[in-house]
Amino acid sequence: MVYVTRIENFNAAHKLWNENWDAEKNKEVFGKCANVNYHGHNYELQVTVKGELHPDTGFVMNAKALGEIMKDKVVDVVDHCNLNVDVAFLQGKLTSAENFAIGIWEQLESEIAKHDAILHCVKLIETNRIFVEYYGK
C-alpha cells in the first residue's frame, strides 16, 4: 500500500455559534471564535490517498487529477467564502474544524474512488497551533 498526499491552500471566514445558547454562553465556550462579525483563517488542506501502484503509470493516483478534484469539490467552493453562510455542505452545522474536515471528506471520497484510489485522510490545518485529521467512519 502506497500513500500520496496533495496540499492545497485557501482562505475562509466563519463563526462558531450555537443558536441554542445565549451570547454569554457562546462567548464562554467559543471565545474569540464567537465574534459576531466572524473571523478568518488561512487554511491548509492535506488530502492523502492510498492504493496499489498502477502498472502503466507507477501512480496510486495521478496527482494532477487529485488536485483538480480538491479544487473543484472544495477549494473553489470555500475559498474567500463565509463557511456559515456560503457553503452548502456546512449548512446547519457548527463550522468547527472537525465538522469542516468531515464535510470535506464527504465531498472528496466518491470522486477519488473513481480513480481507483482510496481516500485515507483529510488533514485540515486551521492555524499553526491547531489541525484536524479525519480518517472516515
C-alpha atoms as a PDB file:
ATOM      1  CA  MET A   1       0.000   0.000   0.000  1.00  0.00           C
ATOM      2  CA  VAL A   2       1.353   3.410  -1.011  1.00  0.00           C
ATOM      3  CA  TYR A   3       0.155   6.743   0.402  1.00  0.00           C
ATOM      4  CA  VAL A   4       0.195  10.019  -1.571  1.00  0.00           C
ATOM      5  CA  THR A   5      -0.633  13.440  -0.134  1.00  0.00           C
ATOM      6  CA  ARG A   6      -1.605  16.590  -2.032  1.00  0.00           C
ATOM      7  CA  ILE A   7      -1.691  20.034  -0.381  1.00  0.00           C
ATOM      8  CA  GLU A   8      -3.909  22.994  -1.297  1.00  0.00           C
ATOM      9  CA  ASN A   9      -4.474  26.316   0.463  1.00  0.00           C
ATOM     10  CA  PHE A  10      -7.481  28.603   0.794  1.00  0.00           C
ATOM     11  CA  ASN A  11      -8.864  31.385   2.968  1.00  0.00           C
ATOM     12  CA  ALA A  12     -12.298  31.407   4.583  1.00  0.00           C
ATOM     13  CA  ALA A  13     -14.227  33.086   7.372  1.00  0.00           C
ATOM     14  CA  HIS A  14     -16.526  31.545   9.941  1.00  0.00           C
ATOM     15  CA  LYS A  15     -18.084  31.990  13.353  1.00  0.00           C
ATOM     16  CA  LEU A  16     -18.603  29.349  15.994  1.00  0.00           C
ATOM     17  CA  TRP A  17     -22.045  29.947  17.438  1.00  0.00           C
ATOM     18  CA  ASN A  18     -24.630  27.633  18.935  1.00  0.00           C
ATOM     19  CA  GLU A  19     -28.107  29.074  18.289  1.00  0.00           C
ATOM     20  CA  ASN A  20     -29.450  27.251  21.365  1.00  0.00           C
ATOM     21  CA  TRP A  21     -27.199  29.301  23.666  1.00  0.00           C
ATOM     22  CA  ASP A  22     -27.214  32.962  24.615  1.00  0.00           C
ATOM     23  CA  ALA A  23     -24.343  35.272  23.693  1.00  0.00           C
ATOM     24  CA  GLU A  24     -22.679  34.844  27.087  1.00  0.00           C
ATOM     25  CA  LYS A  25     -22.567  31.027  26.807  1.00  0.00           C
ATOM     26  CA  ASN A  26     -21.287  31.213  23.211  1.00  0.00           C
ATOM     27  CA  LYS A  27     -18.521  33.609  24.268  1.00  0.00           C
ATOM     28  CA  GLU A  28     -17.666  31.395  27.251  1.00  0.00           C
ATOM     29  CA  VAL A  29     -17.339  28.226  25.129  1.00  0.00           C
ATOM     30  CA  PHE A  30     -16.059  29.577  21.802  1.00  0.00           C
ATOM     31  CA  GLY A  31     -14.167  32.698  22.931  1.00  0.00           C
ATOM     32  CA  LYS A  32     -12.945  34.888  20.062  1.00  0.00           C
ATOM     33  CA  CYS A  33     -14.340  32.368  17.586  1.00  0.00           C
ATOM     34  CA  ALA A  34     -17.836  33.563  18.564  1.00  0.00           C
ATOM     35  CA  ASN A  35     -17.151  37.056  17.186  1.00  0.00           C
ATOM     36  CA  VAL A  36     -20.469  38.275  15.772  1.00  0.00           C
ATOM     37  CA  ASN A  37     -18.620  39.688  12.741  1.00  0.00           C
ATOM     38  CA  TYR A  38     -16.882  36.354  12.018  1.00  0.00           C
ATOM     39  CA  HIS A  39     -13.127  35.788  11.699  1.00  0.00           C
ATOM     40  CA  GLY A  40     -10.888  34.212   9.075  1.00  0.00           C
ATOM     41  CA  HIS A  41      -8.215  31.580   8.645  1.00  0.00           C
ATOM     42  CA  ASN A  42      -5.590  30.758   6.060  1.00  0.00           C
ATOM     43  CA  TYR A  43      -6.295  27.034   5.814  1.00  0.00           C
ATOM     44  CA  GLU A  44      -4.005  24.310   4.553  1.00  0.00           C
ATOM     45  CA  LEU A  45      -5.746  21.181   3.284  1.00  0.00           C
ATOM     46  CA  GLN A  46      -3.781  17.943   3.021  1.00  0.00           C
ATOM     47  CA  VAL A  47      -5.540  15.041   1.355  1.00  0.00           C
ATOM     48  CA  THR A  48      -3.936  11.605   1.489  1.00  0.00           C
ATOM     49  CA  VAL A  49      -4.984   8.792  -0.808  1.00  0.00           C
ATOM     50  CA  LYS A  50      -3.786   5.218  -0.727  1.00  0.00           C
ATOM     51  CA  GLY A  51      -3.717   2.217  -3.000  1.00  0.00           C
ATOM     52  CA  GLU A  52      -1.623  -0.030  -5.129  1.00  0.00           C
ATOM     53  CA  LEU A  53       0.556   1.301  -7.914  1.00  0.00           C
ATOM     54  CA  HIS A  54      -0.950   1.225 -11.380  1.00  0.00           C
ATOM     55  CA  PRO A  55       1.476  -0.790 -13.550  1.00  0.00           C
ATOM     56  CA  ASP A  56       1.184   1.610 -16.516  1.00  0.00           C
ATOM     57  CA  THR A  57       1.924   4.815 -14.557  1.00  0.00           C
ATOM     58  CA  GLY A  58       3.586   3.901 -11.282  1.00  0.00           C
ATOM     59  CA  PHE A  59       0.978   6.108  -9.589  1.00  0.00           C
ATOM     60  CA  VAL A  60      -1.518   5.374  -6.850  1.00  0.00           C
ATOM     61  CA  MET A  61      -3.467   8.243  -8.384  1.00  0.00           C
ATOM     62  CA  ASN A  62      -2.476  10.972 -10.776  1.00  0.00           C
ATOM     63  CA  ALA A  63      -1.523  13.931  -8.539  1.00  0.00           C
ATOM     64  CA  LYS A  64      -2.870  16.396 -11.095  1.00  0.00           C
ATOM     65  CA  ALA A  65      -6.268  14.674 -11.036  1.00  0.00           C
ATOM     66  CA  LEU A  66      -6.252  14.715  -7.232  1.00  0.00           C
ATOM     67  CA  GLY A  67      -5.501  18.434  -7.260  1.00  0.00           C
ATOM     68  CA  GLU A  68      -8.304  19.085  -9.740  1.00  0.00           C
ATOM     69  CA  ILE A  69     -10.780  17.170  -7.564  1.00  0.00           C
ATOM     70  CA  MET A  70      -9.670  19.065  -4.452  1.00  0.00           C
ATOM     71  CA  LYS A  71     -10.034  22.396  -6.237  1.00  0.00           C
ATOM     72  CA  ASP A  72     -13.375  21.574  -7.887  1.00  0.00           C
ATOM     73  CA  LYS A  73     -15.078  19.977  -4.881  1.00  0.00           C
ATOM     74  CA  VAL A  74     -13.563  22.001  -2.026  1.00  0.00           C
ATOM     75  CA  VAL A  75     -11.160  24.877  -2.698  1.00  0.00           C
ATOM     76  CA  ASP A  76     -13.230  26.652  -5.349  1.00  0.00           C
ATOM     77  CA  VAL A  77     -16.331  26.167  -3.169  1.00  0.00           C
ATOM     78  CA  VAL A  78     -14.904  27.588   0.082  1.00  0.00           C
ATOM     79  CA  ASP A  79     -12.092  29.968  -0.884  1.00  0.00           C
ATOM     80  CA  HIS A  80     -12.797  33.531   0.269  1.00  0.00           C
ATOM     81  CA  CYS A  81     -16.241  32.481   1.492  1.00  0.00           C
ATOM     82  CA  ASN A  82     -18.133  32.623   4.752  1.00  0.00           C
ATOM     83  CA  LEU A  83     -18.406  28.990   5.834  1.00  0.00           C
ATOM     84  CA  ASN A  84     -21.541  29.685   7.881  1.00  0.00           C
ATOM     85  CA  VAL A  85     -23.402  31.356   5.023  1.00  0.00           C
ATOM     86  CA  ASP A  86     -21.938  30.399   1.633  1.00  0.00           C
ATOM     87  CA  VAL A  87     -21.023  26.702   1.818  1.00  0.00           C
ATOM     88  CA  ALA A  88     -23.880  24.263   1.191  1.00  0.00           C
ATOM     89  CA  PHE A  89     -22.136  21.231   2.668  1.00  0.00           C
ATOM     90  CA  LEU A  90     -21.796  23.031   6.021  1.00  0.00           C
ATOM     91  CA  GLN A  91     -25.335  24.386   6.248  1.00  0.00           C
ATOM     92  CA  GLY A  92     -26.983  23.552   9.562  1.00  0.00           C
ATOM     93  CA  LYS A  93     -23.665  22.528  11.168  1.00  0.00           C
ATOM     94  CA  LEU A  94     -21.312  24.252  13.554  1.00  0.00           C
ATOM     95  CA  THR A  95     -18.347  25.269  11.421  1.00  0.00           C
ATOM     96  CA  SER A  96     -15.713  23.754  13.689  1.00  0.00           C
ATOM     97  CA  ALA A  97     -12.547  22.452  12.072  1.00  0.00           C
ATOM     98  CA  GLU A  98     -13.785  18.965  12.919  1.00  0.00           C
ATOM     99  CA  ASN A  99     -17.094  19.361  11.087  1.00  0.00           C
ATOM    100  CA  PHE A 100     -15.314  21.106   8.225  1.00  0.00           C
ATOM    101  CA  ALA A 101     -12.872  18.192   7.799  1.00  0.00           C
ATOM    102  CA  ILE A 102     -15.727  15.678   7.791  1.00  0.00           C
ATOM    103  CA  GLY A 103     -17.595  17.770   5.211  1.00  0.00           C
ATOM    104  CA  ILE A 104     -14.501  17.891   3.014  1.00  0.00           C
ATOM    105  CA  TRP A 105     -14.178  14.102   3.245  1.00  0.00           C
ATOM    106  CA  GLU A 106     -17.771  13.715   2.123  1.00  0.00           C
ATOM    107  CA  GLN A 107     -17.110  15.936  -0.909  1.00  0.00           C
ATOM    108  CA  LEU A 108     -13.998  14.001  -1.981  1.00  0.00           C
ATOM    109  CA  GLU A 109     -14.462  10.316  -1.187  1.00  0.00           C
ATOM    110  CA  SER A 110     -16.575   9.183  -4.148  1.00  0.00           C
ATOM    111  CA  GLU A 111     -14.640  11.306  -6.667  1.00  0.00           C
ATOM    112  CA  ILE A 112     -11.327   9.824  -5.553  1.00  0.00           C
ATOM    113  CA  ALA A 113     -12.788   6.304  -5.756  1.00  0.00           C
ATOM    114  CA  LYS A 114     -13.478   6.904  -9.468  1.00  0.00           C
ATOM    115  CA  HIS A 115      -9.681   6.972  -9.902  1.00  0.00           C
ATOM    116  CA  ASP A 116      -9.209   3.570  -8.241  1.00  0.00           C
ATOM    117  CA  ALA A 117      -7.699   5.155  -5.125  1.00  0.00           C
ATOM    118  CA  ILE A 118      -8.933   5.172  -1.535  1.00  0.00           C
ATOM    119  CA  LEU A 119      -9.285   8.352   0.499  1.00  0.00           C
ATOM    120  CA  HIS A 120      -7.137   7.761   3.574  1.00  0.00           C
ATOM    121  CA  CYS A 121      -7.031  11.070   5.445  1.00  0.00           C
ATOM    122  CA  VAL A 122      -8.218  14.658   5.319  1.00  0.00           C
ATOM    123  CA  LYS A 123      -5.933  16.888   7.365  1.00  0.00           C
ATOM    124  CA  LEU A 124      -7.178  20.443   7.792  1.00  0.00           C
ATOM    125  CA  ILE A 125      -4.757  22.911   9.320  1.00  0.00           C
ATOM    126  CA  GLU A 126      -6.624  25.902  10.715  1.00  0.00           C
ATOM    127  CA  THR A 127      -3.689  27.677  12.394  1.00  0.00           C
ATOM    128  CA  ASN A 128      -0.085  26.809  13.134  1.00  0.00           C
ATOM    129  CA  ARG A 129      -1.310  25.506  16.505  1.00  0.00           C
ATOM    130  CA  ILE A 130      -4.427  23.510  15.585  1.00  0.00           C
ATOM    131  CA  PHE A 131      -5.310  20.944  12.951  1.00  0.00           C
ATOM    132  CA  VAL A 132      -7.783  18.128  12.486  1.00  0.00           C
ATOM    133  CA  GLU A 133      -7.225  14.733  10.893  1.00  0.00           C
ATOM    134  CA  TYR A 134     -10.204  12.702   9.739  1.00  0.00           C
ATOM    135  CA  TYR A 135      -9.935   9.097   8.552  1.00  0.00           C
ATOM    136  CA  GLY A 136     -13.571   8.399   7.741  1.00  0.00           C
ATOM    137  CA  LYS A 137     -16.120   6.418   9.704  1.00  0.00           C
END
